[in-house]
Amino acid sequence: MSASIRRIALALLVAVPLGGCVTSAGPGDGGAAVQPFPANYRSEIPAFLRSYLNNPAGLRDAAMAEPVQRPLGGQVRYVSCLRFTPPAAKPQQLAIVHVDGRLDRVAANPQELCAGVVTAPFPELEKLSR
């Protein structure tokens, strides 16, 4: 076998297994392609924020939009958008992603995901305590 054929064979042996590591969609969240509406989002979100926020007490101006479908990582997911003002801090916005009808994670880009949503007061969030 010539040296150039050996190099090509070695390159193929290395490239083929690594080819499976390259995807454009990013890591999947394991959810189904057709997502159910997150029916319990109004109770799941305050429970989650109790542990997500350092100090959930004293939130003001809390508002939330109903979950809407948004493209996220190549898949369509329900996203709930929240706005609130922590004590002695600037207003914050969060985009909460739901997978298979349950709260999954906080998205990194709330401005993009929450563009155009209509929020309504969410007093449950203002009642949170430690």
Protein backbone atom coordinates (compact mmCIF):
# COMPACT_ATOMS: atom_id res chain seq x y z
CA MET A 1 0.00 0.00 0.00
CA SER A 2 1.34 3.40 -0.88
CA ALA A 3 1.74 6.18 1.71
CA SER A 4 -0.99 8.35 0.16
CA ILE A 5 -3.55 5.53 0.29
CA ARG A 6 -2.66 4.89 3.94
CA ARG A 7 -3.17 8.58 4.75
CA ILE A 8 -6.56 8.60 3.03
CA ALA A 9 -7.62 5.43 4.87
CA LEU A 10 -6.47 6.88 8.20
CA ALA A 11 -8.32 10.14 7.51
CA LEU A 12 -11.52 8.21 6.74
CA LEU A 13 -11.17 6.10 9.88
CA VAL A 14 -10.95 9.26 11.98
CA ALA A 15 -13.52 11.35 10.08
CA VAL A 16 -16.38 8.84 9.91
CA PRO A 17 -16.88 8.39 13.68
CA LEU A 18 -16.47 12.12 14.30
CA GLY A 19 -19.01 12.96 11.60
CA GLY A 20 -21.83 11.96 13.95
CA CYS A 21 -20.73 14.61 16.44
CA VAL A 22 -21.51 17.49 14.09
CA THR A 23 -25.14 18.64 13.95
CA SER A 24 -26.76 21.97 13.20
CA ALA A 25 -29.71 21.52 15.57
CA GLY A 26 -27.74 21.44 18.80
CA PRO A 27 -28.59 19.18 21.70
CA GLY A 28 -32.15 17.91 21.72
CA ASP A 29 -34.39 18.21 24.73
CA GLY A 30 -36.04 14.86 24.11
CA GLY A 31 -39.49 16.35 23.62
CA ALA A 32 -42.02 15.17 21.08
CA ALA A 33 -42.36 16.99 17.78
CA VAL A 34 -45.95 18.04 18.54
CA GLN A 35 -46.04 19.67 21.95
CA PRO A 36 -49.04 19.66 24.31
CA PHE A 37 -50.12 22.96 25.86
CA PRO A 38 -48.59 23.39 29.36
CA ALA A 39 -51.85 23.26 31.35
CA ASN A 40 -50.22 23.78 34.80
CA TYR A 41 -47.90 26.65 33.86
CA ARG A 42 -49.53 29.11 36.31
CA SER A 43 -48.64 26.91 39.30
CA GLU A 44 -45.33 25.50 38.00
CA ILE A 45 -43.72 28.89 37.33
CA PRO A 46 -44.00 30.37 40.87
CA ALA A 47 -42.80 27.06 42.36
CA PHE A 48 -39.79 27.08 40.02
CA LEU A 49 -38.97 30.75 40.64
CA ARG A 50 -38.83 30.15 44.40
CA SER A 51 -35.62 28.20 43.81
CA TYR A 52 -34.40 30.00 40.66
CA LEU A 53 -34.32 33.50 42.17
CA ASN A 54 -31.92 34.29 45.01
CA ASN A 55 -34.61 36.21 46.88
CA PRO A 56 -38.13 35.86 45.45
CA ALA A 57 -39.71 38.06 48.15
CA GLY A 58 -40.81 41.57 47.26
CA LEU A 59 -41.18 41.23 43.50
CA ARG A 60 -43.19 44.07 41.95
CA ASP A 61 -44.95 44.74 38.66
CA ALA A 62 -45.19 41.02 37.88
CA ALA A 63 -46.75 40.20 34.53
CA MET A 64 -46.90 37.07 32.39
CA ALA A 65 -48.00 36.16 28.88
CA GLU A 66 -49.86 32.95 28.08
CA PRO A 67 -47.52 30.32 26.62
CA VAL A 68 -46.99 30.78 22.89
CA GLN A 69 -45.28 28.52 20.39
CA ARG A 70 -41.85 29.71 19.30
CA PRO A 71 -39.07 28.08 17.25
CA LEU A 72 -36.23 27.12 19.56
CA GLY A 73 -33.21 25.04 18.53
CA GLY A 74 -34.90 23.84 15.35
CA GLN A 75 -38.04 22.70 17.20
CA VAL A 76 -41.28 24.44 18.15
CA ARG A 77 -41.74 24.81 21.91
CA TYR A 78 -44.20 26.59 24.16
CA VAL A 79 -42.62 29.63 25.84
CA SER A 80 -44.02 31.64 28.77
CA CYS A 81 -42.76 35.21 29.09
CA LEU A 82 -42.46 36.92 32.48
CA ARG A 83 -41.65 40.47 33.52
CA PHE A 84 -41.03 41.58 37.09
CA THR A 85 -39.02 44.02 39.14
CA PRO A 86 -36.96 42.66 42.05
CA PRO A 87 -36.52 44.88 45.12
CA ALA A 88 -33.84 47.54 44.50
CA ALA A 89 -33.02 46.20 41.03
CA LYS A 90 -33.78 46.77 37.36
CA PRO A 91 -36.82 45.11 35.73
CA GLN A 92 -36.16 41.61 34.43
CA GLN A 93 -37.65 39.51 31.67
CA LEU A 94 -37.54 35.71 31.53
CA ALA A 95 -38.56 33.27 28.82
CA ILE A 96 -39.53 29.90 30.29
CA VAL A 97 -39.49 26.92 27.91
CA HIS A 98 -42.00 24.09 28.29
CA VAL A 99 -41.32 20.59 26.92
CA ASP A 100 -44.00 17.89 26.86
CA GLY A 101 -46.38 20.19 28.75
CA ARG A 102 -44.01 20.78 31.68
CA LEU A 103 -41.61 23.55 32.65
CA ASP A 104 -38.17 22.67 31.31
CA ARG A 105 -35.75 25.61 31.49
CA VAL A 106 -35.14 29.34 31.26
CA ALA A 107 -34.15 30.38 27.74
CA ALA A 108 -31.08 32.54 27.17
CA ASN A 109 -32.69 35.04 24.77
CA PRO A 110 -35.93 36.40 26.28
CA GLN A 111 -36.05 39.57 24.14
CA GLU A 112 -36.20 37.55 20.94
CA LEU A 113 -38.60 34.87 22.21
CA CYS A 114 -40.94 37.33 23.94
CA ALA A 115 -41.20 39.88 21.14
CA GLY A 116 -44.82 40.82 20.53
CA VAL A 117 -46.40 38.94 23.45
CA VAL A 118 -49.19 40.52 25.47
CA THR A 119 -48.70 40.29 29.22
CA ALA A 120 -51.28 40.45 31.99
CA PRO A 121 -50.75 41.01 35.74
CA PHE A 122 -49.48 37.91 37.55
CA PRO A 123 -50.13 38.54 41.27
CA GLU A 124 -49.06 35.01 42.25
CA LEU A 125 -45.48 36.05 41.54
CA GLU A 126 -45.69 39.10 43.79
CA LYS A 127 -46.79 36.87 46.70
CA LEU A 128 -43.64 34.71 46.65
CA SER A 129 -41.55 34.43 49.80
CA ARG A 130 -38.35 32.62 50.72
